[in-house]
PDB file of N, CA and C in Angstrom:
ATOM      1  N   MET A   1    -173.663  19.294-140.895  1.00  0.00           N
ATOM      2  CA  MET A   1    -173.189  20.506-141.523  1.00  0.00           C
ATOM      3  C   MET A   1    -172.483  20.199-142.842  1.00  0.00           C
ATOM      4  N   VAL A   2    -171.666  19.159-142.834  1.00  0.00           N
ATOM      5  CA  VAL A   2    -170.967  18.779-144.055  1.00  0.00           C
ATOM      6  C   VAL A   2    -171.968  18.325-145.108  1.00  0.00           C
ATOM      7  N   GLN A   3    -172.994  17.622-144.672  1.00  0.00           N
ATOM      8  CA  GLN A   3    -174.001  17.153-145.618  1.00  0.00           C
ATOM      9  C   GLN A   3    -174.759  18.332-146.226  1.00  0.00           C
ATOM     10  N   ARG A   4    -175.080  19.341-145.422  1.00  0.00           N
ATOM     11  CA  ARG A   4    -175.769  20.533-145.953  1.00  0.00           C
ATOM     12  C   ARG A   4    -174.890  21.242-146.976  1.00  0.00           C
ATOM     13  N   PHE A   5    -173.589  21.330-146.682  1.00  0.00           N
ATOM     14  CA  PHE A   5    -172.664  21.953-147.618  1.00  0.00           C
ATOM     15  C   PHE A   5    -172.591  21.160-148.919  1.00  0.00           C
ATOM     16  N   ALA A   6    -172.511  19.832-148.806  1.00  0.00           N
ATOM     17  CA  ALA A   6    -172.433  18.989-149.997  1.00  0.00           C
ATOM     18  C   ALA A   6    -173.695  19.119-150.841  1.00  0.00           C
ATOM     19  N   VAL A   7    -174.844  19.152-150.191  1.00  0.00           N
ATOM     20  CA  VAL A   7    -176.106  19.300-150.924  1.00  0.00           C
ATOM     21  C   VAL A   7    -176.176  20.666-151.587  1.00  0.00           C
ATOM     22  N   ALA A   8    -175.794  21.716-150.862  1.00  0.00           N
ATOM     23  CA  ALA A   8    -175.819  23.063-151.438  1.00  0.00           C
ATOM     24  C   ALA A   8    -174.861  23.166-152.616  1.00  0.00           C
ATOM     25  N   LEU A   9    -173.681  22.566-152.487  1.00  0.00           N
ATOM     26  CA  LEU A   9    -172.709  22.583-153.578  1.00  0.00           C
ATOM     27  C   LEU A   9    -173.233  21.823-154.788  1.00  0.00           C
ATOM     28  N   THR A  10    -173.846  20.679-154.557  1.00  0.00           N
ATOM     29  CA  THR A  10    -174.398  19.890-155.655  1.00  0.00           C
ATOM     30  C   THR A  10    -175.502  20.650-156.377  1.00  0.00           C
ATOM     31  N   VAL A  11    -176.381  21.278-155.629  1.00  0.00           N
ATOM     32  CA  VAL A  11    -177.470  22.046-156.237  1.00  0.00           C
ATOM     33  C   VAL A  11    -176.911  23.204-157.048  1.00  0.00           C
ATOM     34  N   ARG A  12    -175.912  23.893-156.513  1.00  0.00           N
ATOM     35  CA  ARG A  12    -175.330  25.044-157.224  1.00  0.00           C
ATOM     36  C   ARG A  12    -174.640  24.600-158.508  1.00  0.00           C
ATOM     37  N   VAL A  13    -173.910  23.506-158.468  1.00  0.00           N
ATOM     38  CA  VAL A  13    -173.242  23.001-159.673  1.00  0.00           C
ATOM     39  C   VAL A  13    -174.275  22.599-160.713  1.00  0.00           C
ATOM     40  N   GLN A  14    -175.351  21.967-160.292  1.00  0.00           N
ATOM     41  CA  GLN A  14    -176.402  21.589-161.237  1.00  0.00           C
ATOM     42  C   GLN A  14    -177.050  22.819-161.854  1.00  0.00           C
ATOM     43  N   GLU A  15    -177.231  23.879-161.066  1.00  0.00           N
ATOM     44  CA  GLU A  15    -177.797  25.120-161.607  1.00  0.00           C
ATOM     45  C   GLU A  15    -176.866  25.735-162.645  1.00  0.00           C
ATOM     46  N   LEU A  16    -175.582  25.733-162.356  1.00  0.00           N
ATOM     47  CA  LEU A  16    -174.624  26.335-163.288  1.00  0.00           C
ATOM     48  C   LEU A  16    -174.472  25.523-164.565  1.00  0.00           C
ATOM     49  N   LEU A  17    -174.636  24.218-164.472  1.00  0.00           N
ATOM     50  CA  LEU A  17    -174.476  23.360-165.639  1.00  0.00           C
ATOM     51  C   LEU A  17    -175.768  23.164-166.420  1.00  0.00           C
ATOM     52  N   ALA A  18    -176.855  23.710-165.948  1.00  0.00           N
ATOM     53  CA  ALA A  18    -178.126  23.586-166.667  1.00  0.00           C
ATOM     54  C   ALA A  18    -178.009  24.291-168.020  1.00  0.00           C
ATOM     55  N   PRO A  19    -178.610  23.734-169.070  1.00  0.00           N
ATOM     56  CA  PRO A  19    -178.474  24.324-170.410  1.00  0.00           C
ATOM     57  C   PRO A  19    -178.942  25.773-170.492  1.00  0.00           C
ATOM     58  N   GLU A  20    -180.019  26.115-169.806  1.00  0.00           N
ATOM     59  CA  GLU A  20    -180.502  27.497-169.890  1.00  0.00           C
ATOM     60  C   GLU A  20    -179.554  28.460-169.178  1.00  0.00           C
ATOM     61  N   ARG A  21    -178.755  27.981-168.271  1.00  0.00           N
ATOM     62  CA  ARG A  21    -177.787  28.832-167.571  1.00  0.00           C
ATOM     63  C   ARG A  21    -176.495  28.949-168.388  1.00  0.00           C
ATOM     64  N   ARG A  22    -176.095  27.865-169.048  1.00  0.00           N
ATOM     65  CA  ARG A  22    -174.863  27.873-169.827  1.00  0.00           C
ATOM     66  C   ARG A  22    -174.990  28.727-171.070  1.00  0.00           C
ATOM     67  N   ASP A  23    -176.104  28.613-171.780  1.00  0.00           N
ATOM     68  CA  ASP A  23    -176.282  29.326-173.041  1.00  0.00           C
ATOM     69  C   ASP A  23    -176.883  30.691-172.756  1.00  0.00           C
ATOM     70  N   ARG A  24    -176.040  31.678-172.728  1.00  0.00           N
ATOM     71  CA  ARG A  24    -176.502  33.034-172.449  1.00  0.00           C
ATOM     72  C   ARG A  24    -176.603  33.857-173.723  1.00  0.00           C
ATOM     73  N   GLY A  25    -176.407  33.228-174.867  1.00  0.00           N
ATOM     74  CA  GLY A  25    -176.584  33.917-176.129  1.00  0.00           C
ATOM     75  C   GLY A  25    -175.358  34.664-176.624  1.00  0.00           C
ATOM     76  N   GLU A  26    -174.256  34.583-175.919  1.00  0.00           N
ATOM     77  CA  GLU A  26    -173.057  35.282-176.359  1.00  0.00           C
ATOM     78  C   GLU A  26    -172.380  34.455-177.439  1.00  0.00           C
ATOM     79  N   GLY A  27    -172.094  35.106-178.546  1.00  0.00           N
ATOM     80  CA  GLY A  27    -171.453  34.421-179.653  1.00  0.00           C
ATOM     81  C   GLY A  27    -169.956  34.284-179.439  1.00  0.00           C
ATOM     82  N   PRO A  28    -169.278  33.634-180.378  1.00  0.00           N
ATOM     83  CA  PRO A  28    -167.833  33.421-180.234  1.00  0.00           C
ATOM     84  C   PRO A  28    -166.997  34.671-180.500  1.00  0.00           C
ATOM     85  N   VAL A  29    -167.571  35.700-181.107  1.00  0.00           N
ATOM     86  CA  VAL A  29    -166.780  36.874-181.473  1.00  0.00           C
ATOM     87  C   VAL A  29    -166.219  37.597-180.253  1.00  0.00           C
ATOM     88  N   PRO A  30    -166.993  37.891-179.218  1.00  0.00           N
ATOM     89  CA  PRO A  30    -166.397  38.565-178.062  1.00  0.00           C
ATOM     90  C   PRO A  30    -165.273  37.751-177.416  1.00  0.00           C
ATOM     91  N   TYR A  31    -165.412  36.436-177.390  1.00  0.00           N
ATOM     92  CA  TYR A  31    -164.367  35.589-176.828  1.00  0.00           C
ATOM     93  C   TYR A  31    -163.094  35.685-177.666  1.00  0.00           C
ATOM     94  N   ILE A  32    -163.239  35.671-178.976  1.00  0.00           N
ATOM     95  CA  ILE A  32    -162.079  35.764-179.860  1.00  0.00           C
ATOM     96  C   ILE A  32    -161.398  37.115-179.688  1.00  0.00           C
ATOM     97  N   ILE A  33    -162.179  38.172-179.571  1.00  0.00           N
ATOM     98  CA  ILE A  33    -161.602  39.500-179.371  1.00  0.00           C
ATOM     99  C   ILE A  33    -160.859  39.547-178.040  1.00  0.00           C
ATOM    100  N   LEU A  34    -161.421  38.963-177.009  1.00  0.00           N
ATOM    101  CA  LEU A  34    -160.773  38.940-175.698  1.00  0.00           C
ATOM    102  C   LEU A  34    -159.448  38.185-175.759  1.00  0.00           C
ATOM    103  N   VAL A  35    -159.425  37.054-176.423  1.00  0.00           N
ATOM    104  CA  VAL A  35    -158.189  36.280-176.551  1.00  0.00           C
ATOM    105  C   VAL A  35    -157.150  37.068-177.339  1.00  0.00           C
ATOM    106  N   ALA A  36    -157.568  37.751-178.403  1.00  0.00           N
ATOM    107  CA  ALA A  36    -156.635  38.560-179.192  1.00  0.00           C
ATOM    108  C   ALA A  36    -156.065  39.708-178.364  1.00  0.00           C
ATOM    109  N   LEU A  37    -156.896  40.353-177.564  1.00  0.00           N
ATOM    110  CA  LEU A  37    -156.406  41.441-176.715  1.00  0.00           C
ATOM    111  C   LEU A  37    -155.422  40.937-175.664  1.00  0.00           C
ATOM    112  N   ILE A  38    -155.713  39.809-175.073  1.00  0.00           N
ATOM    113  CA  ILE A  38    -154.796  39.238-174.084  1.00  0.00           C
ATOM    114  C   ILE A  38    -153.470  38.881-174.749  1.00  0.00           C
ATOM    115  N   GLY A  39    -153.528  38.329-175.952  1.00  0.00           N
ATOM    116  CA  GLY A  39    -152.301  38.018-176.685  1.00  0.00           C
ATOM    117  C   GLY A  39    -151.506  39.260-177.022  1.00  0.00           C
ATOM    118  N   ALA A  40    -152.186  40.325-177.444  1.00  0.00           N
ATOM    119  CA  ALA A  40    -151.496  41.575-177.781  1.00  0.00           C
ATOM    120  C   ALA A  40    -150.838  42.181-176.545  1.00  0.00           C
ATOM    121  N   VAL A  41    -151.523  42.140-175.421  1.00  0.00           N
ATOM    122  CA  VAL A  41    -150.936  42.658-174.181  1.00  0.00           C
ATOM    123  C   VAL A  41    -149.728  41.814-173.777  1.00  0.00           C
ATOM    124  N   ALA A  42    -149.828  40.509-173.935  1.00  0.00           N
ATOM    125  CA  ALA A  42    -148.705  39.631-173.587  1.00  0.00           C
ATOM    126  C   ALA A  42    -147.492  39.928-174.459  1.00  0.00           C
ATOM    127  N   VAL A  43    -147.710  40.142-175.748  1.00  0.00           N
ATOM    128  CA  VAL A  43    -146.598  40.480-176.646  1.00  0.00           C
ATOM    129  C   VAL A  43    -146.011  41.831-176.263  1.00  0.00           C
ATOM    130  N   GLY A  44    -146.847  42.789-175.932  1.00  0.00           N
ATOM    131  CA  GLY A  44    -146.363  44.103-175.510  1.00  0.00           C
ATOM    132  C   GLY A  44    -145.516  44.028-174.253  1.00  0.00           C
ATOM    133  N   VAL A  45    -145.956  43.236-173.288  1.00  0.00           N
ATOM    134  CA  VAL A  45    -145.179  43.062-172.057  1.00  0.00           C
ATOM    135  C   VAL A  45    -143.850  42.387-172.363  1.00  0.00           C
ATOM    136  N   TRP A  46    -143.869  41.382-173.229  1.00  0.00           N
ATOM    137  CA  TRP A  46    -142.635  40.687-173.595  1.00  0.00           C
ATOM    138  C   TRP A  46    -141.651  41.630-174.273  1.00  0.00           C
ATOM    139  N   VAL A  47    -142.121  42.457-175.195  1.00  0.00           N
ATOM    140  CA  VAL A  47    -141.247  43.409-175.887  1.00  0.00           C
ATOM    141  C   VAL A  47    -140.671  44.414-174.890  1.00  0.00           C
ATOM    142  N   ALA A  48    -141.492  44.916-173.997  1.00  0.00           N
ATOM    143  CA  ALA A  48    -141.011  45.882-173.006  1.00  0.00           C
ATOM    144  C   ALA A  48    -139.960  45.253-172.095  1.00  0.00           C
ATOM    145  N   LEU A  49    -140.224  44.049-171.616  1.00  0.00           N
ATOM    146  CA  LEU A  49    -139.249  43.380-170.757  1.00  0.00           C
ATOM    147  C   LEU A  49    -137.968  43.053-171.508  1.00  0.00           C
ATOM    148  N   ASP A  50    -138.075  42.692-172.773  1.00  0.00           N
ATOM    149  CA  ASP A  50    -136.895  42.405-173.588  1.00  0.00           C
ATOM    150  C   ASP A  50    -136.013  43.642-173.710  1.00  0.00           C
ATOM    151  N   GLN A  51    -136.620  44.789-173.928  1.00  0.00           N
ATOM    152  CA  GLN A  51    -135.848  46.027-174.034  1.00  0.00           C
ATOM    153  C   GLN A  51    -135.213  46.399-172.696  1.00  0.00           C
ATOM    154  N   ILE A  52    -135.928  46.211-171.610  1.00  0.00           N
ATOM    155  CA  ILE A  52    -135.376  46.515-170.284  1.00  0.00           C
ATOM    156  C   ILE A  52    -134.185  45.612-169.981  1.00  0.00           C
ATOM    157  N   VAL A  53    -134.331  44.325-170.260  1.00  0.00           N
ATOM    158  CA  VAL A  53    -133.247  43.381-169.990  1.00  0.00           C
ATOM    159  C   VAL A  53    -132.046  43.691-170.873  1.00  0.00           C
ATOM    160  N   ASP A  54    -132.265  44.020-172.135  1.00  0.00           N
ATOM    161  CA  ASP A  54    -131.152  44.394-173.011  1.00  0.00           C
ATOM    162  C   ASP A  54    -130.422  45.616-172.466  1.00  0.00           C
ATOM    163  N   GLY A  55    -131.155  46.574-171.945  1.00  0.00           N
ATOM    164  CA  GLY A  55    -130.529  47.751-171.350  1.00  0.00           C
ATOM    165  C   GLY A  55    -129.699  47.399-170.132  1.00  0.00           C
ATOM    166  N   TRP A  56    -130.195  46.499-169.303  1.00  0.00           N
ATOM    167  CA  TRP A  56    -129.435  46.083-168.125  1.00  0.00           C
ATOM    168  C   TRP A  56    -128.169  45.340-168.532  1.00  0.00           C
ATOM    169  N   ILE A  57    -128.292  44.456-169.521  1.00  0.00           N
ATOM    170  CA  ILE A  57    -127.130  43.678-169.949  1.00  0.00           C
ATOM    171  C   ILE A  57    -126.089  44.587-170.596  1.00  0.00           C
ATOM    172  N   ASP A  58    -126.507  45.588-171.328  1.00  0.00           N
ATOM    173  CA  ASP A  58    -125.562  46.528-171.928  1.00  0.00           C
ATOM    174  C   ASP A  58    -124.841  47.345-170.861  1.00  0.00           C
ATOM    175  N   ALA A  59    -125.448  47.541-169.704  1.00  0.00           N
ATOM    176  CA  ALA A  59    -124.832  48.317-168.634  1.00  0.00           C
ATOM    177  C   ALA A  59    -123.803  47.515-167.844  1.00  0.00           C
ATOM    178  N   VAL A  60    -123.829  46.196-167.967  1.00  0.00           N
ATOM    179  CA  VAL A  60    -122.881  45.353-167.241  1.00  0.00           C
ATOM    180  C   VAL A  60    -121.533  45.406-167.965  1.00  0.00           C
ATOM    181  N   PRO A  61    -120.433  45.644-167.242  1.00  0.00           N
ATOM    182  CA  PRO A  61    -119.125  45.675-167.904  1.00  0.00           C
ATOM    183  C   PRO A  61    -118.735  44.295-168.434  1.00  0.00           C
ATOM    184  N   ASP A  62    -117.972  44.287-169.531  1.00  0.00           N
ATOM    185  CA  ASP A  62    -117.570  43.017-170.151  1.00  0.00           C
ATOM    186  C   ASP A  62    -116.515  42.289-169.326  1.00  0.00           C
ATOM    187  N   ALA A  63    -115.558  43.019-168.801  1.00  0.00           N
ATOM    188  CA  ALA A  63    -114.483  42.398-168.023  1.00  0.00           C
ATOM    189  C   ALA A  63    -114.359  43.128-166.686  1.00  0.00           C
ATOM    190  N   PRO A  64    -114.018  42.378-165.655  1.00  0.00           N
ATOM    191  CA  PRO A  64    -113.887  43.028-164.339  1.00  0.00           C
ATOM    192  C   PRO A  64    -112.663  43.912-164.227  1.00  0.00           C
TER     193      PRO A  64
END
C-alpha cells in the first residue's frame, strides 16, 4: 500500500512538473496585480488596526 502511494505521488509530481503543465500561458501581469492587491489589503488592515489600537489606548486612563 505504501509503495502504491509512493508511486502515485511520484507520477503526480512528475505530471505537475512537466513543462506543458507548468506553462499555461499566463503572463506576469496578473501575478503582479495580485501581489499589488494583497499588499493594498495588508496596508488597509494595518491602518484600520492602528486606528483601533490608538482608540483603545486613548481610552485607558493615564493614572490610576
